[in-house]
């Protein structure tokens, strides 16, 4: 699926849809599947953001990296995600 923006940030790379883990929202008593991993960048920001998203591209978790290569490595290590 082609996606241009997530959470207001431009999508640089996006995984195929898959199962990359779960997020357990204990206060809401629900578990949400992580179905997409994306590397994104906000306008006027040099950092790269690694987003873990649900099926509707809602961000469930994120981490920040100072360069693209480190974000891509983290996607592979943390989620076993190949980004296209």
N, C-alpha and C. Protein backbone atom coordinates (compact mmCIF):
# COMPACT_ATOMS: atom_id res chain seq x y z
N UNK A 1 0.85 -1.18 0.00
CA UNK A 1 0.00 0.00 0.00
C UNK A 1 0.89 1.24 0.00
N UNK A 2 0.60 2.15 -0.87
CA UNK A 2 1.34 3.41 -0.96
C UNK A 2 0.78 4.39 0.07
N UNK A 3 1.67 4.99 0.80
CA UNK A 3 1.26 5.94 1.84
C UNK A 3 2.24 7.10 1.81
N UNK A 4 1.74 8.33 1.73
CA UNK A 4 2.63 9.48 1.65
C UNK A 4 3.01 10.06 3.00
N UNK A 5 2.05 10.08 3.95
CA UNK A 5 2.30 10.67 5.26
C UNK A 5 1.72 9.78 6.35
N UNK A 6 2.40 9.75 7.48
CA UNK A 6 1.89 9.12 8.70
C UNK A 6 2.14 10.10 9.83
N UNK A 7 1.12 10.41 10.58
CA UNK A 7 1.23 11.34 11.71
C UNK A 7 1.85 12.68 11.31
N UNK A 8 1.59 13.10 10.08
CA UNK A 8 2.12 14.37 9.60
C UNK A 8 3.54 14.32 9.09
N UNK A 9 4.18 13.15 9.15
CA UNK A 9 5.55 12.99 8.69
C UNK A 9 5.56 12.29 7.33
N UNK A 10 6.48 12.70 6.46
CA UNK A 10 6.60 12.09 5.13
C UNK A 10 7.17 10.68 5.25
N UNK A 11 6.53 9.73 4.59
CA UNK A 11 7.00 8.34 4.59
C UNK A 11 8.19 8.22 3.65
N UNK A 12 9.31 7.75 4.19
CA UNK A 12 10.52 7.52 3.41
C UNK A 12 10.53 6.06 2.94
N UNK A 13 10.27 5.14 3.84
CA UNK A 13 10.20 3.71 3.53
C UNK A 13 9.10 3.07 4.36
N UNK A 14 8.45 2.05 3.78
CA UNK A 14 7.33 1.39 4.44
C UNK A 14 7.45 -0.12 4.23
N UNK A 15 7.17 -0.87 5.28
CA UNK A 15 7.18 -2.33 5.18
C UNK A 15 5.94 -2.81 4.45
N UNK A 16 5.98 -4.05 4.03
CA UNK A 16 4.76 -4.71 3.58
C UNK A 16 3.91 -4.97 4.81
N UNK A 17 2.63 -5.16 4.60
CA UNK A 17 1.75 -5.48 5.73
C UNK A 17 2.12 -6.85 6.27
N UNK A 18 2.22 -6.94 7.58
CA UNK A 18 2.60 -8.19 8.22
C UNK A 18 2.31 -8.11 9.71
N UNK A 19 2.81 -9.06 10.45
CA UNK A 19 2.68 -9.05 11.90
C UNK A 19 4.07 -8.82 12.49
N UNK A 20 4.27 -7.64 13.06
CA UNK A 20 5.57 -7.23 13.59
C UNK A 20 5.58 -7.14 15.11
N UNK A 21 4.54 -7.63 15.72
CA UNK A 21 4.44 -7.61 17.18
C UNK A 21 3.08 -7.10 17.60
N UNK A 22 2.94 -6.88 18.89
CA UNK A 22 1.69 -6.41 19.48
C UNK A 22 1.99 -5.33 20.50
N UNK A 23 1.01 -4.49 20.72
CA UNK A 23 1.09 -3.50 21.81
C UNK A 23 -0.08 -3.81 22.74
N UNK A 24 0.25 -3.99 24.00
CA UNK A 24 -0.76 -4.33 25.01
C UNK A 24 -1.15 -3.06 25.77
N UNK A 25 -2.37 -2.61 25.53
CA UNK A 25 -2.90 -1.45 26.23
C UNK A 25 -3.66 -1.95 27.46
N UNK A 26 -2.94 -2.10 28.55
CA UNK A 26 -3.53 -2.69 29.76
C UNK A 26 -4.68 -1.85 30.31
N UNK A 27 -4.55 -0.53 30.25
CA UNK A 27 -5.60 0.33 30.80
C UNK A 27 -6.91 0.19 30.02
N UNK A 28 -6.78 -0.13 28.74
CA UNK A 28 -7.97 -0.31 27.91
C UNK A 28 -8.32 -1.78 27.72
N UNK A 29 -7.49 -2.64 28.27
CA UNK A 29 -7.68 -4.09 28.20
C UNK A 29 -7.82 -4.57 26.75
N UNK A 30 -6.86 -4.13 25.90
CA UNK A 30 -6.87 -4.59 24.52
C UNK A 30 -5.44 -4.72 24.01
N UNK A 31 -5.30 -5.57 23.01
CA UNK A 31 -4.02 -5.79 22.35
C UNK A 31 -4.20 -5.40 20.88
N UNK A 32 -3.26 -4.59 20.38
CA UNK A 32 -3.33 -4.13 19.00
C UNK A 32 -2.10 -4.67 18.26
N UNK A 33 -2.33 -5.21 17.08
CA UNK A 33 -1.25 -5.75 16.26
C UNK A 33 -0.49 -4.63 15.56
N UNK A 34 0.83 -4.77 15.53
CA UNK A 34 1.68 -3.90 14.72
C UNK A 34 1.72 -4.52 13.33
N UNK A 35 1.16 -3.81 12.34
CA UNK A 35 1.05 -4.37 11.00
C UNK A 35 1.91 -3.67 9.95
N UNK A 36 2.42 -2.49 10.27
CA UNK A 36 3.32 -1.78 9.38
C UNK A 36 4.45 -1.15 10.18
N UNK A 37 5.62 -1.10 9.56
CA UNK A 37 6.78 -0.40 10.10
C UNK A 37 7.17 0.65 9.05
N UNK A 38 7.38 1.87 9.49
CA UNK A 38 7.70 2.95 8.56
C UNK A 38 8.84 3.80 9.08
N UNK A 39 9.66 4.25 8.16
CA UNK A 39 10.65 5.29 8.47
C UNK A 39 10.10 6.57 7.87
N UNK A 40 9.98 7.59 8.71
CA UNK A 40 9.37 8.86 8.29
C UNK A 40 10.24 10.03 8.73
N UNK A 41 9.94 11.17 8.13
CA UNK A 41 10.68 12.39 8.50
C UNK A 41 9.72 13.57 8.44
N UNK A 42 9.73 14.35 9.51
CA UNK A 42 8.93 15.57 9.56
C UNK A 42 9.62 16.69 8.80
N UNK A 43 8.84 17.57 8.24
CA UNK A 43 9.37 18.72 7.52
C UNK A 43 10.23 19.56 8.47
N UNK A 44 11.34 20.04 7.97
CA UNK A 44 12.28 20.87 8.73
C UNK A 44 12.88 20.15 9.94
N UNK A 45 12.99 18.83 9.85
CA UNK A 45 13.56 18.02 10.92
C UNK A 45 14.58 17.07 10.29
N UNK A 46 15.79 17.06 10.81
CA UNK A 46 16.84 16.20 10.26
C UNK A 46 16.75 14.76 10.77
N UNK A 47 16.00 14.53 11.84
CA UNK A 47 15.89 13.18 12.41
C UNK A 47 14.95 12.30 11.60
N UNK A 48 15.14 10.99 11.77
CA UNK A 48 14.29 9.98 11.13
C UNK A 48 13.52 9.25 12.23
N UNK A 49 12.26 9.00 11.97
CA UNK A 49 11.37 8.39 12.95
C UNK A 49 10.97 7.01 12.48
N UNK A 50 11.15 6.04 13.34
CA UNK A 50 10.72 4.68 13.07
C UNK A 50 9.38 4.48 13.75
N UNK A 51 8.34 4.31 12.95
CA UNK A 51 6.98 4.17 13.46
C UNK A 51 6.53 2.71 13.38
N UNK A 52 5.92 2.24 14.46
CA UNK A 52 5.22 0.96 14.48
C UNK A 52 3.74 1.30 14.41
N UNK A 53 3.05 0.81 13.38
CA UNK A 53 1.67 1.23 13.11
C UNK A 53 0.69 0.06 13.07
N UNK A 54 -0.55 0.38 13.36
CA UNK A 54 -1.61 -0.62 13.22
C UNK A 54 -2.07 -0.67 11.76
N UNK A 55 -3.11 -1.42 11.49
CA UNK A 55 -3.60 -1.60 10.12
C UNK A 55 -4.08 -0.31 9.48
N UNK A 56 -4.45 0.68 10.30
CA UNK A 56 -4.93 1.96 9.79
C UNK A 56 -3.88 3.07 9.83
N UNK A 57 -2.62 2.67 10.05
CA UNK A 57 -1.48 3.58 10.11
C UNK A 57 -1.53 4.52 11.31
N UNK A 58 -2.21 4.12 12.36
CA UNK A 58 -2.11 4.83 13.63
C UNK A 58 -0.79 4.43 14.27
N UNK A 59 -0.04 5.40 14.76
CA UNK A 59 1.27 5.12 15.36
C UNK A 59 1.07 4.56 16.76
N UNK A 60 1.60 3.35 16.96
CA UNK A 60 1.52 2.68 18.26
C UNK A 60 2.78 2.88 19.08
N UNK A 61 3.87 3.16 18.40
CA UNK A 61 5.15 3.39 19.07
C UNK A 61 6.11 4.02 18.08
N UNK A 62 7.07 4.77 18.60
CA UNK A 62 8.06 5.38 17.71
C UNK A 62 9.39 5.51 18.41
N UNK A 63 10.42 5.63 17.60
CA UNK A 63 11.76 5.91 18.10
C UNK A 63 12.42 6.84 17.09
N UNK A 64 13.41 7.58 17.56
CA UNK A 64 14.03 8.63 16.75
C UNK A 64 15.50 8.28 16.50
N UNK A 65 15.95 8.52 15.26
CA UNK A 65 17.34 8.23 14.87
C UNK A 65 17.92 9.43 14.15
N UNK A 66 19.22 9.60 14.29
CA UNK A 66 19.87 10.77 13.68
C UNK A 66 20.18 10.57 12.21
N UNK A 67 20.03 9.33 11.71
CA UNK A 67 20.23 9.11 10.28
C UNK A 67 19.39 7.94 9.79
N UNK A 68 19.19 7.89 8.49
CA UNK A 68 18.34 6.89 7.86
C UNK A 68 18.85 5.47 8.10
N UNK A 69 20.15 5.28 7.94
CA UNK A 69 20.72 3.93 8.06
C UNK A 69 20.48 3.33 9.45
N UNK A 70 20.60 4.14 10.49
CA UNK A 70 20.35 3.63 11.84
C UNK A 70 18.87 3.27 12.03
N UNK A 71 17.98 4.05 11.45
CA UNK A 71 16.56 3.74 11.53
C UNK A 71 16.25 2.43 10.80
N UNK A 72 16.86 2.25 9.64
CA UNK A 72 16.64 1.02 8.86
C UNK A 72 17.18 -0.20 9.61
N UNK A 73 18.35 -0.07 10.21
CA UNK A 73 18.91 -1.18 11.00
C UNK A 73 18.01 -1.52 12.17
N UNK A 74 17.48 -0.51 12.84
CA UNK A 74 16.59 -0.73 13.98
C UNK A 74 15.31 -1.45 13.55
N UNK A 75 14.79 -1.11 12.38
CA UNK A 75 13.59 -1.78 11.86
C UNK A 75 13.86 -3.27 11.68
N UNK A 76 15.03 -3.59 11.17
CA UNK A 76 15.40 -5.00 10.94
C UNK A 76 15.62 -5.72 12.26
N UNK A 77 16.35 -5.09 13.17
CA UNK A 77 16.69 -5.73 14.44
C UNK A 77 15.46 -5.86 15.35
N UNK A 78 14.70 -4.79 15.49
CA UNK A 78 13.59 -4.78 16.45
C UNK A 78 12.32 -5.43 15.94
N UNK A 79 12.10 -5.37 14.63
CA UNK A 79 10.83 -5.87 14.09
C UNK A 79 11.01 -6.90 12.99
N UNK A 80 12.26 -7.19 12.62
CA UNK A 80 12.53 -8.08 11.49
C UNK A 80 11.81 -7.61 10.23
N UNK A 81 11.79 -6.30 10.05
CA UNK A 81 11.05 -5.69 8.95
C UNK A 81 11.98 -5.30 7.81
N UNK A 82 11.60 -5.69 6.61
CA UNK A 82 12.27 -5.23 5.40
C UNK A 82 11.47 -4.07 4.86
N UNK A 83 12.14 -2.97 4.60
CA UNK A 83 11.45 -1.76 4.16
C UNK A 83 11.66 -1.54 2.67
N UNK A 84 10.61 -1.12 2.00
CA UNK A 84 10.63 -0.96 0.53
C UNK A 84 10.44 0.48 0.15
